[in-house]
Amino acid sequence: MIVRLTIDQDGTGFRARISKRDDEGNAPVGTPEIFLVHTKEEAKKRAKDLARALGLKTYRVVDKTLKD
């Protein structure tokens, strides 16, 4: 299983989506969790905590705020 965090700009804050994916990262597992945060670090901490709870050492980050 893979935990993936996607971060988008949302006004003055960020919209984060944490999804669980199969081992290849293709098919979603369950329903993604979507929430608003003030900083990217808040979203990363939440994804890290979920990954640790699932027994994973890492998670993937897709930061869409870096696109121009």
N, C-alpha and C. Protein backbone atom coordinates (compact mmCIF):
# COMPACT_ATOMS: atom_id res chain seq x y z
N MET A 1 0.85 -1.18 0.00
CA MET A 1 0.00 0.00 0.00
C MET A 1 0.90 1.24 0.00
N ILE A 2 0.43 2.27 -0.65
CA ILE A 2 1.13 3.55 -0.74
C ILE A 2 0.20 4.63 -0.23
N VAL A 3 0.72 5.56 0.57
CA VAL A 3 -0.02 6.74 1.00
C VAL A 3 0.46 7.91 0.15
N ARG A 4 -0.48 8.60 -0.49
CA ARG A 4 -0.12 9.73 -1.34
C ARG A 4 -0.81 10.99 -0.86
N LEU A 5 -0.03 12.05 -0.71
CA LEU A 5 -0.54 13.35 -0.30
C LEU A 5 -0.47 14.28 -1.51
N THR A 6 -1.60 14.88 -1.86
CA THR A 6 -1.66 15.86 -2.94
C THR A 6 -2.02 17.21 -2.34
N ILE A 7 -1.22 18.24 -2.65
CA ILE A 7 -1.43 19.57 -2.09
C ILE A 7 -1.74 20.55 -3.21
N ASP A 8 -2.85 21.28 -3.08
CA ASP A 8 -3.26 22.33 -4.03
C ASP A 8 -3.41 23.64 -3.28
N GLN A 9 -3.18 24.76 -3.97
CA GLN A 9 -3.43 26.08 -3.39
C GLN A 9 -4.94 26.26 -3.25
N ASP A 10 -5.38 26.84 -2.15
CA ASP A 10 -6.81 27.09 -1.94
C ASP A 10 -6.94 28.43 -1.21
N GLY A 11 -7.04 29.52 -1.96
CA GLY A 11 -7.10 30.84 -1.35
C GLY A 11 -5.79 31.15 -0.65
N THR A 12 -5.85 31.48 0.63
CA THR A 12 -4.64 31.78 1.38
C THR A 12 -4.03 30.54 2.03
N GLY A 13 -4.72 29.41 1.95
CA GLY A 13 -4.22 28.16 2.54
C GLY A 13 -4.03 27.10 1.48
N PHE A 14 -4.12 25.86 1.91
CA PHE A 14 -3.91 24.74 1.01
C PHE A 14 -4.99 23.68 1.21
N ARG A 15 -5.37 23.04 0.12
CA ARG A 15 -6.29 21.90 0.17
C ARG A 15 -5.43 20.65 0.01
N ALA A 16 -5.56 19.74 0.94
CA ALA A 16 -4.77 18.52 0.92
C ALA A 16 -5.68 17.32 0.75
N ARG A 17 -5.17 16.33 0.02
CA ARG A 17 -5.92 15.09 -0.17
C ARG A 17 -4.96 13.93 0.11
N ILE A 18 -5.33 13.11 1.07
CA ILE A 18 -4.54 11.91 1.37
C ILE A 18 -5.31 10.72 0.84
N SER A 19 -4.66 9.96 -0.02
CA SER A 19 -5.29 8.77 -0.56
C SER A 19 -4.39 7.56 -0.35
N LYS A 20 -5.03 6.42 -0.21
CA LYS A 20 -4.30 5.16 -0.12
C LYS A 20 -4.40 4.50 -1.49
N ARG A 21 -3.26 3.98 -1.96
CA ARG A 21 -3.19 3.37 -3.29
C ARG A 21 -2.64 1.95 -3.17
N ASP A 22 -2.85 1.15 -4.22
CA ASP A 22 -2.26 -0.19 -4.23
C ASP A 22 -0.74 -0.08 -4.34
N ASP A 23 -0.05 -1.18 -4.25
CA ASP A 23 1.42 -1.18 -4.23
C ASP A 23 2.05 -0.55 -5.46
N GLU A 24 1.38 -0.59 -6.59
CA GLU A 24 1.90 0.02 -7.81
C GLU A 24 1.54 1.50 -7.89
N GLY A 25 0.67 1.97 -7.01
CA GLY A 25 0.26 3.37 -6.99
C GLY A 25 -0.82 3.70 -8.00
N ASN A 26 -1.44 2.69 -8.60
CA ASN A 26 -2.43 2.93 -9.66
C ASN A 26 -3.87 2.99 -9.15
N ALA A 27 -4.30 1.98 -8.44
CA ALA A 27 -5.70 1.89 -8.04
C ALA A 27 -5.90 2.43 -6.62
N PRO A 28 -6.93 3.29 -6.46
CA PRO A 28 -7.22 3.81 -5.12
C PRO A 28 -7.76 2.71 -4.21
N VAL A 29 -7.44 2.83 -2.92
CA VAL A 29 -7.96 1.91 -1.91
C VAL A 29 -8.77 2.77 -0.94
N GLY A 30 -10.07 2.56 -0.91
CA GLY A 30 -10.92 3.34 -0.01
C GLY A 30 -11.19 4.74 -0.54
N THR A 31 -11.72 5.58 0.34
CA THR A 31 -12.09 6.95 0.01
C THR A 31 -11.00 7.90 0.47
N PRO A 32 -10.58 8.85 -0.38
CA PRO A 32 -9.54 9.79 0.05
C PRO A 32 -10.06 10.75 1.13
N GLU A 33 -9.14 11.24 1.94
CA GLU A 33 -9.46 12.22 2.97
C GLU A 33 -9.05 13.59 2.44
N ILE A 34 -9.98 14.54 2.41
CA ILE A 34 -9.71 15.88 1.91
C ILE A 34 -9.91 16.88 3.05
N PHE A 35 -8.94 17.79 3.21
CA PHE A 35 -9.01 18.75 4.31
C PHE A 35 -8.24 20.01 3.96
N LEU A 36 -8.52 21.10 4.68
CA LEU A 36 -7.83 22.37 4.48
C LEU A 36 -6.80 22.57 5.59
N VAL A 37 -5.64 23.14 5.21
CA VAL A 37 -4.59 23.44 6.18
C VAL A 37 -4.01 24.82 5.87
N HIS A 38 -3.34 25.40 6.86
CA HIS A 38 -2.71 26.70 6.67
C HIS A 38 -1.31 26.57 6.06
N THR A 39 -0.63 25.46 6.38
CA THR A 39 0.73 25.26 5.86
C THR A 39 0.87 23.86 5.26
N LYS A 40 1.83 23.72 4.37
CA LYS A 40 2.10 22.41 3.78
C LYS A 40 2.61 21.43 4.84
N GLU A 41 3.31 21.96 5.83
CA GLU A 41 3.87 21.10 6.88
C GLU A 41 2.76 20.40 7.67
N GLU A 42 1.62 21.10 7.88
CA GLU A 42 0.48 20.47 8.57
C GLU A 42 0.00 19.26 7.79
N ALA A 43 -0.12 19.42 6.47
CA ALA A 43 -0.60 18.33 5.62
C ALA A 43 0.41 17.19 5.61
N LYS A 44 1.69 17.51 5.54
CA LYS A 44 2.72 16.48 5.52
C LYS A 44 2.74 15.69 6.84
N LYS A 45 2.54 16.38 7.95
CA LYS A 45 2.51 15.69 9.25
C LYS A 45 1.34 14.71 9.31
N ARG A 46 0.20 15.13 8.81
CA ARG A 46 -0.99 14.26 8.83
C ARG A 46 -0.76 13.01 7.95
N ALA A 47 -0.15 13.22 6.78
CA ALA A 47 0.15 12.08 5.90
C ALA A 47 1.18 11.16 6.54
N LYS A 48 2.20 11.74 7.17
CA LYS A 48 3.22 10.94 7.84
C LYS A 48 2.61 10.11 8.96
N ASP A 49 1.72 10.72 9.75
CA ASP A 49 1.07 10.00 10.85
C ASP A 49 0.25 8.82 10.33
N LEU A 50 -0.47 9.03 9.23
CA LEU A 50 -1.27 7.95 8.65
C LEU A 50 -0.37 6.83 8.14
N ALA A 51 0.70 7.21 7.44
CA ALA A 51 1.63 6.20 6.92
C ALA A 51 2.22 5.37 8.07
N ARG A 52 2.62 6.03 9.14
CA ARG A 52 3.18 5.32 10.30
C ARG A 52 2.14 4.39 10.92
N ALA A 53 0.90 4.86 11.01
CA ALA A 53 -0.17 4.04 11.58
C ALA A 53 -0.41 2.78 10.75
N LEU A 54 -0.16 2.87 9.45
CA LEU A 54 -0.33 1.72 8.56
C LEU A 54 0.92 0.86 8.49
N GLY A 55 1.97 1.26 9.22
CA GLY A 55 3.20 0.49 9.23
C GLY A 55 4.13 0.79 8.07
N LEU A 56 3.90 1.93 7.39
CA LEU A 56 4.74 2.32 6.25
C LEU A 56 5.82 3.29 6.71
N LYS A 57 6.97 3.26 6.04
CA LYS A 57 8.06 4.15 6.41
C LYS A 57 8.02 5.46 5.63
N THR A 58 7.39 5.45 4.48
CA THR A 58 7.38 6.65 3.64
C THR A 58 5.98 6.91 3.08
N TYR A 59 5.83 8.08 2.48
CA TYR A 59 4.61 8.44 1.75
C TYR A 59 5.03 9.32 0.59
N ARG A 60 4.16 9.46 -0.41
CA ARG A 60 4.47 10.26 -1.58
C ARG A 60 3.78 11.61 -1.48
N VAL A 61 4.46 12.65 -1.97
CA VAL A 61 3.90 13.99 -1.97
C VAL A 61 3.81 14.48 -3.41
N VAL A 62 2.63 14.96 -3.81
CA VAL A 62 2.42 15.60 -5.10
C VAL A 62 2.05 17.04 -4.77
N ASP A 63 3.01 17.96 -4.98
CA ASP A 63 2.80 19.36 -4.64
C ASP A 63 2.43 20.14 -5.91
N LYS A 64 1.15 20.38 -6.09
CA LYS A 64 0.68 21.07 -7.28
C LYS A 64 0.78 22.59 -7.16
N THR A 65 1.24 23.09 -6.01
CA THR A 65 1.38 24.54 -5.83
C THR A 65 2.65 25.04 -6.52
N LEU A 66 3.54 24.15 -6.92
CA LEU A 66 4.79 24.55 -7.56
C LEU A 66 4.65 24.78 -9.06
N LYS A 67 3.48 24.44 -9.62
CA LYS A 67 3.24 24.65 -11.06
C LYS A 67 3.02 26.11 -11.36
N ASP A 68 3.48 26.55 -12.48
CA ASP A 68 3.24 27.94 -12.92
C ASP A 68 2.22 27.99 -14.02
